[in-house]
Amino acid sequence: MIHLATPEDAAEVARLMIGFRDWWGRTEPSDEAFHAGVVRLLGDPDTEFLLGGEPPVGVCQVRYRPSLWTAGDCWLEDIFVEDAARGSGLGRALVEASFERARARGCSRIELDVNEANPAALALYESLGFSTWSEPPGGRNLLMRRLL
């Protein structure tokens, strides 16, 4: 049901990522930028796309990086399941497959961001053990962003 995308899957990965963009009501990046970006990232040994369904109706993008604090980190960058397949368990299967891929690559931590305006995704991630966290001397860790 879940498989690791190869360069031959680039068009399907791009189609699903464009669907994710559209689901958010955005118009950028362009379709062409998504296609070029998927091809580039499929060639990056620190990036993987997992596809779910036959034909694919879900995608999960994961990125790997070394860390001084852990054995290695995995960032669950994007996950999208087409409307018709929502509620089927595919989103959960994609996230669980990302756990397996991260462990196989020696990672001991997986992180993501989720928009609080997406309660279904937030509930899924919490049910899989994701949470906000606090560290001494106190306070929640927050994801911050600056556009360049």
N, C-alpha and C. Protein backbone atom coordinates (compact mmCIF):
# COMPACT_ATOMS: atom_id res chain seq x y z
N MET A 1 0.81 -1.20 0.00
CA MET A 1 0.00 0.00 0.00
C MET A 1 0.86 1.27 0.00
N ILE A 2 1.94 1.29 0.79
CA ILE A 2 2.87 2.42 0.85
C ILE A 2 4.16 2.00 0.16
N HIS A 3 4.68 2.87 -0.71
CA HIS A 3 5.97 2.58 -1.31
C HIS A 3 6.81 3.84 -1.43
N LEU A 4 8.11 3.64 -1.46
CA LEU A 4 9.07 4.72 -1.61
C LEU A 4 9.05 5.18 -3.06
N ALA A 5 8.85 6.46 -3.28
CA ALA A 5 8.81 7.00 -4.64
C ALA A 5 10.19 6.94 -5.27
N THR A 6 10.19 6.68 -6.56
CA THR A 6 11.41 6.67 -7.37
C THR A 6 11.30 7.81 -8.39
N PRO A 7 12.36 8.08 -9.13
CA PRO A 7 12.26 9.12 -10.17
C PRO A 7 11.12 8.87 -11.16
N GLU A 8 10.77 7.61 -11.38
CA GLU A 8 9.66 7.30 -12.28
C GLU A 8 8.32 7.75 -11.71
N ASP A 9 8.25 8.02 -10.43
CA ASP A 9 7.02 8.46 -9.77
C ASP A 9 6.91 9.98 -9.69
N ALA A 10 7.84 10.71 -10.29
CA ALA A 10 7.90 12.17 -10.13
C ALA A 10 6.59 12.84 -10.50
N ALA A 11 5.96 12.42 -11.60
CA ALA A 11 4.71 13.07 -12.03
C ALA A 11 3.61 12.87 -10.99
N GLU A 12 3.52 11.66 -10.41
CA GLU A 12 2.49 11.39 -9.40
C GLU A 12 2.76 12.19 -8.13
N VAL A 13 4.02 12.25 -7.71
CA VAL A 13 4.36 13.02 -6.51
C VAL A 13 4.00 14.49 -6.74
N ALA A 14 4.40 15.03 -7.88
CA ALA A 14 4.09 16.44 -8.18
C ALA A 14 2.58 16.67 -8.23
N ARG A 15 1.84 15.77 -8.84
CA ARG A 15 0.38 15.91 -8.91
C ARG A 15 -0.22 15.99 -7.51
N LEU A 16 0.24 15.14 -6.61
CA LEU A 16 -0.30 15.14 -5.25
C LEU A 16 0.13 16.38 -4.47
N MET A 17 1.37 16.82 -4.67
CA MET A 17 1.83 18.02 -3.97
C MET A 17 1.08 19.26 -4.50
N ILE A 18 0.79 19.30 -5.79
CA ILE A 18 -0.03 20.38 -6.34
C ILE A 18 -1.43 20.32 -5.74
N GLY A 19 -1.96 19.12 -5.55
CA GLY A 19 -3.25 18.97 -4.88
C GLY A 19 -3.22 19.52 -3.46
N PHE A 20 -2.10 19.33 -2.77
CA PHE A 20 -1.95 19.86 -1.41
C PHE A 20 -1.95 21.39 -1.45
N ARG A 21 -1.19 21.94 -2.38
CA ARG A 21 -1.17 23.40 -2.54
C ARG A 21 -2.59 23.92 -2.77
N ASP A 22 -3.29 23.26 -3.69
CA ASP A 22 -4.66 23.69 -4.02
C ASP A 22 -5.60 23.54 -2.83
N TRP A 23 -5.43 22.46 -2.05
CA TRP A 23 -6.26 22.23 -0.87
C TRP A 23 -6.15 23.40 0.10
N TRP A 24 -4.93 23.99 0.18
CA TRP A 24 -4.72 25.14 1.06
C TRP A 24 -5.22 26.43 0.42
N GLY A 25 -5.69 26.38 -0.83
CA GLY A 25 -6.20 27.57 -1.51
C GLY A 25 -5.11 28.49 -2.01
N ARG A 26 -3.94 27.93 -2.22
CA ARG A 26 -2.80 28.73 -2.70
C ARG A 26 -2.65 28.57 -4.22
N THR A 27 -1.97 29.50 -4.83
CA THR A 27 -1.69 29.42 -6.26
C THR A 27 -0.19 29.32 -6.55
N GLU A 28 0.63 29.49 -5.56
CA GLU A 28 2.09 29.41 -5.71
C GLU A 28 2.63 28.39 -4.74
N PRO A 29 3.71 27.72 -5.07
CA PRO A 29 4.48 27.76 -6.31
C PRO A 29 3.66 27.23 -7.50
N SER A 30 4.14 27.55 -8.69
CA SER A 30 3.45 27.14 -9.91
C SER A 30 3.55 25.62 -10.09
N ASP A 31 2.69 25.08 -10.94
CA ASP A 31 2.76 23.65 -11.26
C ASP A 31 4.15 23.29 -11.76
N GLU A 32 4.72 24.13 -12.62
CA GLU A 32 6.05 23.86 -13.18
C GLU A 32 7.10 23.83 -12.08
N ALA A 33 6.99 24.74 -11.12
CA ALA A 33 7.94 24.75 -10.00
C ALA A 33 7.82 23.47 -9.17
N PHE A 34 6.59 23.01 -8.97
CA PHE A 34 6.42 21.76 -8.23
C PHE A 34 7.05 20.59 -8.98
N HIS A 35 6.81 20.51 -10.28
CA HIS A 35 7.40 19.41 -11.06
C HIS A 35 8.93 19.45 -10.99
N ALA A 36 9.52 20.63 -11.18
CA ALA A 36 10.99 20.75 -11.12
C ALA A 36 11.51 20.44 -9.72
N GLY A 37 10.81 20.91 -8.71
CA GLY A 37 11.24 20.67 -7.33
C GLY A 37 11.18 19.20 -6.95
N VAL A 38 10.15 18.51 -7.38
CA VAL A 38 10.04 17.08 -7.09
C VAL A 38 11.18 16.32 -7.73
N VAL A 39 11.47 16.63 -9.00
CA VAL A 39 12.59 15.96 -9.68
C VAL A 39 13.89 16.22 -8.92
N ARG A 40 14.11 17.48 -8.52
CA ARG A 40 15.34 17.82 -7.78
C ARG A 40 15.40 17.08 -6.45
N LEU A 41 14.30 17.07 -5.72
CA LEU A 41 14.31 16.43 -4.40
C LEU A 41 14.40 14.91 -4.48
N LEU A 42 13.85 14.31 -5.54
CA LEU A 42 14.00 12.86 -5.69
C LEU A 42 15.46 12.48 -5.91
N GLY A 43 16.28 13.42 -6.36
CA GLY A 43 17.70 13.18 -6.52
C GLY A 43 18.52 13.49 -5.28
N ASP A 44 17.88 13.99 -4.24
CA ASP A 44 18.56 14.35 -2.99
C ASP A 44 18.54 13.14 -2.06
N PRO A 45 19.69 12.62 -1.68
CA PRO A 45 19.70 11.43 -0.81
C PRO A 45 19.12 11.65 0.58
N ASP A 46 18.92 12.92 0.96
CA ASP A 46 18.36 13.22 2.29
C ASP A 46 16.87 13.55 2.24
N THR A 47 16.23 13.28 1.11
CA THR A 47 14.79 13.51 0.96
C THR A 47 14.15 12.26 0.39
N GLU A 48 12.99 11.91 0.93
CA GLU A 48 12.21 10.79 0.39
C GLU A 48 10.74 11.20 0.31
N PHE A 49 10.07 10.64 -0.68
CA PHE A 49 8.62 10.76 -0.78
C PHE A 49 8.05 9.35 -0.66
N LEU A 50 7.03 9.21 0.16
CA LEU A 50 6.30 7.95 0.29
C LEU A 50 4.96 8.14 -0.39
N LEU A 51 4.57 7.17 -1.19
CA LEU A 51 3.28 7.22 -1.88
C LEU A 51 2.37 6.14 -1.34
N GLY A 52 1.10 6.46 -1.21
CA GLY A 52 0.12 5.50 -0.71
C GLY A 52 -1.05 5.37 -1.65
N GLY A 53 -1.47 4.13 -1.84
CA GLY A 53 -2.61 3.85 -2.72
C GLY A 53 -2.15 3.41 -4.09
N GLU A 54 -3.06 2.79 -4.81
CA GLU A 54 -2.77 2.34 -6.17
C GLU A 54 -4.00 2.58 -7.03
N PRO A 55 -4.01 3.62 -7.83
CA PRO A 55 -2.95 4.61 -8.03
C PRO A 55 -2.79 5.49 -6.79
N PRO A 56 -1.65 6.19 -6.68
CA PRO A 56 -1.39 6.98 -5.48
C PRO A 56 -2.45 8.04 -5.22
N VAL A 57 -2.91 8.07 -3.97
CA VAL A 57 -3.87 9.09 -3.53
C VAL A 57 -3.35 9.81 -2.29
N GLY A 58 -2.12 9.49 -1.87
CA GLY A 58 -1.52 10.13 -0.71
C GLY A 58 -0.02 10.20 -0.87
N VAL A 59 0.58 11.23 -0.28
CA VAL A 59 2.02 11.43 -0.36
C VAL A 59 2.52 11.96 0.98
N CYS A 60 3.74 11.59 1.31
CA CYS A 60 4.41 12.06 2.52
C CYS A 60 5.85 12.39 2.14
N GLN A 61 6.28 13.60 2.43
CA GLN A 61 7.66 14.00 2.17
C GLN A 61 8.42 14.02 3.48
N VAL A 62 9.56 13.34 3.53
CA VAL A 62 10.40 13.32 4.73
C VAL A 62 11.81 13.74 4.35
N ARG A 63 12.46 14.44 5.27
CA ARG A 63 13.82 14.93 5.05
C ARG A 63 14.65 14.52 6.25
N TYR A 64 15.89 14.19 5.99
CA TYR A 64 16.78 13.68 7.03
C TYR A 64 17.96 14.62 7.20
N ARG A 65 18.43 14.72 8.46
CA ARG A 65 19.61 15.54 8.73
C ARG A 65 20.36 14.99 9.94
N PRO A 66 21.67 15.14 9.92
CA PRO A 66 22.44 14.75 11.11
C PRO A 66 22.18 15.74 12.23
N SER A 67 22.47 15.32 13.44
CA SER A 67 22.21 16.18 14.60
C SER A 67 23.27 15.94 15.66
N LEU A 68 23.62 16.99 16.36
CA LEU A 68 24.50 16.85 17.51
C LEU A 68 23.76 16.34 18.74
N TRP A 69 22.44 16.55 18.78
CA TRP A 69 21.64 16.23 19.95
C TRP A 69 21.07 14.82 19.92
N THR A 70 20.94 14.27 18.74
CA THR A 70 20.35 12.94 18.59
C THR A 70 21.18 12.13 17.59
N ALA A 71 20.82 10.88 17.42
CA ALA A 71 21.50 10.05 16.42
C ALA A 71 21.22 10.55 15.01
N GLY A 72 20.16 11.28 14.83
CA GLY A 72 19.76 11.84 13.54
C GLY A 72 18.32 12.28 13.63
N ASP A 73 17.96 13.22 12.80
CA ASP A 73 16.61 13.78 12.84
C ASP A 73 15.90 13.55 11.52
N CYS A 74 14.60 13.43 11.61
CA CYS A 74 13.74 13.34 10.45
C CYS A 74 12.70 14.45 10.57
N TRP A 75 12.48 15.16 9.47
CA TRP A 75 11.46 16.19 9.42
C TRP A 75 10.36 15.71 8.49
N LEU A 76 9.17 15.54 9.01
CA LEU A 76 8.02 15.18 8.20
C LEU A 76 7.52 16.50 7.61
N GLU A 77 7.94 16.77 6.38
CA GLU A 77 7.70 18.10 5.80
C GLU A 77 6.28 18.27 5.29
N ASP A 78 5.78 17.30 4.58
CA ASP A 78 4.45 17.42 3.99
C ASP A 78 3.76 16.06 4.02
N ILE A 79 2.46 16.09 4.24
CA ILE A 79 1.65 14.89 4.06
C ILE A 79 0.30 15.35 3.52
N PHE A 80 -0.16 14.62 2.50
CA PHE A 80 -1.43 14.98 1.87
C PHE A 80 -2.12 13.71 1.40
N VAL A 81 -3.42 13.64 1.66
CA VAL A 81 -4.27 12.55 1.18
C VAL A 81 -5.45 13.20 0.47
N GLU A 82 -5.73 12.74 -0.74
CA GLU A 82 -6.84 13.29 -1.50
C GLU A 82 -8.15 13.10 -0.75
N ASP A 83 -9.08 14.03 -0.96
CA ASP A 83 -10.35 14.03 -0.24
C ASP A 83 -11.06 12.68 -0.25
N ALA A 84 -11.11 12.02 -1.40
CA ALA A 84 -11.84 10.75 -1.52
C ALA A 84 -11.25 9.65 -0.65
N ALA A 85 -9.98 9.77 -0.28
CA ALA A 85 -9.32 8.73 0.52
C ALA A 85 -9.21 9.10 1.99
N ARG A 86 -9.66 10.27 2.37
CA ARG A 86 -9.58 10.67 3.78
C ARG A 86 -10.48 9.78 4.62
N GLY A 87 -10.02 9.48 5.82
CA GLY A 87 -10.77 8.62 6.72
C GLY A 87 -10.52 7.14 6.47
N SER A 88 -9.69 6.81 5.49
CA SER A 88 -9.41 5.41 5.16
C SER A 88 -8.25 4.83 5.95
N GLY A 89 -7.54 5.67 6.71
CA GLY A 89 -6.36 5.22 7.42
C GLY A 89 -5.07 5.42 6.64
N LEU A 90 -5.17 5.97 5.44
CA LEU A 90 -3.97 6.16 4.63
C LEU A 90 -3.02 7.19 5.23
N GLY A 91 -3.54 8.27 5.76
CA GLY A 91 -2.68 9.26 6.41
C GLY A 91 -1.89 8.64 7.54
N ARG A 92 -2.56 7.86 8.38
CA ARG A 92 -1.88 7.16 9.49
C ARG A 92 -0.82 6.21 8.94
N ALA A 93 -1.15 5.47 7.89
CA ALA A 93 -0.19 4.53 7.30
C ALA A 93 1.03 5.26 6.75
N LEU A 94 0.83 6.41 6.13
CA LEU A 94 1.96 7.18 5.62
C LEU A 94 2.86 7.66 6.75
N VAL A 95 2.27 8.18 7.82
CA VAL A 95 3.08 8.65 8.95
C VAL A 95 3.82 7.48 9.59
N GLU A 96 3.13 6.35 9.79
CA GLU A 96 3.80 5.18 10.37
C GLU A 96 4.92 4.69 9.47
N ALA A 97 4.74 4.76 8.16
CA ALA A 97 5.81 4.37 7.24
C ALA A 97 6.99 5.34 7.37
N SER A 98 6.70 6.61 7.63
CA SER A 98 7.80 7.56 7.82
C SER A 98 8.58 7.23 9.09
N PHE A 99 7.90 6.72 10.12
CA PHE A 99 8.62 6.27 11.32
C PHE A 99 9.59 5.16 10.97
N GLU A 100 9.12 4.18 10.20
CA GLU A 100 9.97 3.06 9.81
C GLU A 100 11.16 3.52 9.00
N ARG A 101 10.94 4.42 8.03
CA ARG A 101 12.03 4.92 7.20
C ARG A 101 13.04 5.68 8.05
N ALA A 102 12.55 6.50 8.99
CA ALA A 102 13.45 7.28 9.84
C ALA A 102 14.29 6.36 10.72
N ARG A 103 13.66 5.35 11.31
CA ARG A 103 14.43 4.41 12.14
C ARG A 103 15.48 3.69 11.30
N ALA A 104 15.11 3.28 10.09
CA ALA A 104 16.06 2.58 9.22
C ALA A 104 17.25 3.46 8.86
N ARG A 105 17.07 4.76 8.87
CA ARG A 105 18.15 5.68 8.55
C ARG A 105 18.88 6.15 9.81
N GLY A 106 18.55 5.57 10.96
CA GLY A 106 19.26 5.87 12.19
C GLY A 106 18.75 7.09 12.94
N CYS A 107 17.60 7.58 12.59
CA CYS A 107 17.05 8.76 13.27
C CYS A 107 16.45 8.35 14.62
N SER A 108 16.56 9.24 15.58
CA SER A 108 15.94 8.97 16.87
C SER A 108 14.89 10.03 17.22
N ARG A 109 14.63 10.93 16.28
CA ARG A 109 13.62 11.96 16.52
C ARG A 109 12.97 12.29 15.18
N ILE A 110 11.65 12.51 15.21
CA ILE A 110 10.92 12.97 14.03
C ILE A 110 10.08 14.16 14.45
N GLU A 111 10.12 15.20 13.64
CA GLU A 111 9.41 16.43 13.96
C GLU A 111 8.57 16.85 12.76
N LEU A 112 7.59 17.71 13.04
CA LEU A 112 6.74 18.26 12.00
C LEU A 112 6.13 19.54 12.50
N ASP A 113 5.51 20.26 11.58
CA ASP A 113 4.66 21.37 12.00
C ASP A 113 3.26 21.09 11.48
N VAL A 114 2.29 21.61 12.17
CA VAL A 114 0.89 21.43 11.78
C VAL A 114 0.15 22.73 12.08
N ASN A 115 -0.72 23.11 11.18
CA ASN A 115 -1.51 24.31 11.36
C ASN A 115 -2.71 23.98 12.24
N GLU A 116 -2.91 24.78 13.28
CA GLU A 116 -4.02 24.50 14.19
C GLU A 116 -5.37 24.65 13.52
N ALA A 117 -5.42 25.24 12.32
CA ALA A 117 -6.66 25.33 11.57
C ALA A 117 -6.96 24.03 10.82
N ASN A 118 -6.14 23.02 11.03
CA ASN A 118 -6.33 21.70 10.42
C ASN A 118 -6.51 20.68 11.55
N PRO A 119 -7.67 20.69 12.21
CA PRO A 119 -7.85 19.84 13.40
C PRO A 119 -7.75 18.35 13.11
N ALA A 120 -8.10 17.91 11.92
CA ALA A 120 -7.99 16.48 11.61
C ALA A 120 -6.53 16.05 11.61
N ALA A 121 -5.67 16.86 11.01
CA ALA A 121 -4.23 16.53 11.01
C ALA A 121 -3.67 16.58 12.42
N LEU A 122 -4.03 17.60 13.16
CA LEU A 122 -3.55 17.73 14.55
C LEU A 122 -3.97 16.51 15.37
N ALA A 123 -5.20 16.08 15.23
CA ALA A 123 -5.67 14.90 15.98
C ALA A 123 -4.91 13.65 15.55
N LEU A 124 -4.67 13.50 14.24
CA LEU A 124 -3.91 12.35 13.77
C LEU A 124 -2.52 12.33 14.39
N TYR A 125 -1.81 13.45 14.32
CA TYR A 125 -0.45 13.50 14.84
C TYR A 125 -0.42 13.25 16.35
N GLU A 126 -1.36 13.83 17.07
CA GLU A 126 -1.40 13.58 18.52
C GLU A 126 -1.68 12.12 18.81
N SER A 127 -2.54 11.47 18.02
CA SER A 127 -2.84 10.05 18.25
C SER A 127 -1.63 9.17 17.96
N LEU A 128 -0.68 9.68 17.19
CA LEU A 128 0.54 8.94 16.88
C LEU A 128 1.70 9.32 17.81
N GLY A 129 1.42 10.13 18.84
CA GLY A 129 2.42 10.43 19.84
C GLY A 129 3.14 11.75 19.69
N PHE A 130 2.83 12.55 18.69
CA PHE A 130 3.44 13.87 18.55
C PHE A 130 2.85 14.80 19.59
N SER A 131 3.66 15.72 20.08
CA SER A 131 3.17 16.70 21.04
C SER A 131 4.09 17.91 21.02
N THR A 132 3.57 19.03 21.55
CA THR A 132 4.45 20.16 21.81
C THR A 132 5.29 19.78 23.02
N TRP A 133 6.37 20.45 23.23
CA TRP A 133 7.20 20.06 24.35
C TRP A 133 7.81 21.29 25.01
N SER A 134 8.19 21.11 26.26
CA SER A 134 8.85 22.15 27.05
C SER A 134 10.16 21.58 27.56
N GLU A 135 11.10 22.47 27.70
CA GLU A 135 12.41 22.07 28.23
C GLU A 135 12.83 23.10 29.27
N PRO A 136 13.70 22.71 30.19
CA PRO A 136 14.18 23.69 31.16
C PRO A 136 14.84 24.85 30.42
N PRO A 137 14.66 26.06 30.85
CA PRO A 137 14.07 26.48 32.12
C PRO A 137 12.56 26.64 32.07
N GLY A 138 11.91 26.16 31.05
CA GLY A 138 10.45 26.23 30.97
C GLY A 138 10.03 26.89 29.67
N GLY A 139 8.78 26.82 29.41
CA GLY A 139 8.24 27.42 28.19
C GLY A 139 8.14 26.39 27.07
N ARG A 140 7.20 26.64 26.15
CA ARG A 140 7.02 25.74 25.01
C ARG A 140 8.02 26.08 23.91
N ASN A 141 8.47 25.06 23.21
CA ASN A 141 9.27 25.27 22.02
C ASN A 141 8.34 25.65 20.89
N LEU A 142 8.69 26.65 20.11
CA LEU A 142 7.85 27.15 19.04
C LEU A 142 8.60 27.08 17.72
N LEU A 143 7.90 26.71 16.67
CA LEU A 143 8.46 26.78 15.33
C LEU A 143 8.39 28.24 14.89
N MET A 144 9.51 28.76 14.44
CA MET A 144 9.55 30.16 13.97
C MET A 144 9.98 30.15 12.52
N ARG A 145 9.63 31.22 11.80
CA ARG A 145 9.95 31.29 10.38
C ARG A 145 10.32 32.72 10.01
N ARG A 146 11.24 32.83 9.04
CA ARG A 146 11.57 34.12 8.43
C ARG A 146 11.76 33.86 6.95
N LEU A 147 11.03 34.58 6.12
CA LEU A 147 11.18 34.44 4.69
C LEU A 147 12.40 35.25 4.23
N LEU A 148 13.11 34.70 3.29
CA LEU A 148 14.29 35.39 2.75
C LEU A 148 14.03 35.89 1.36
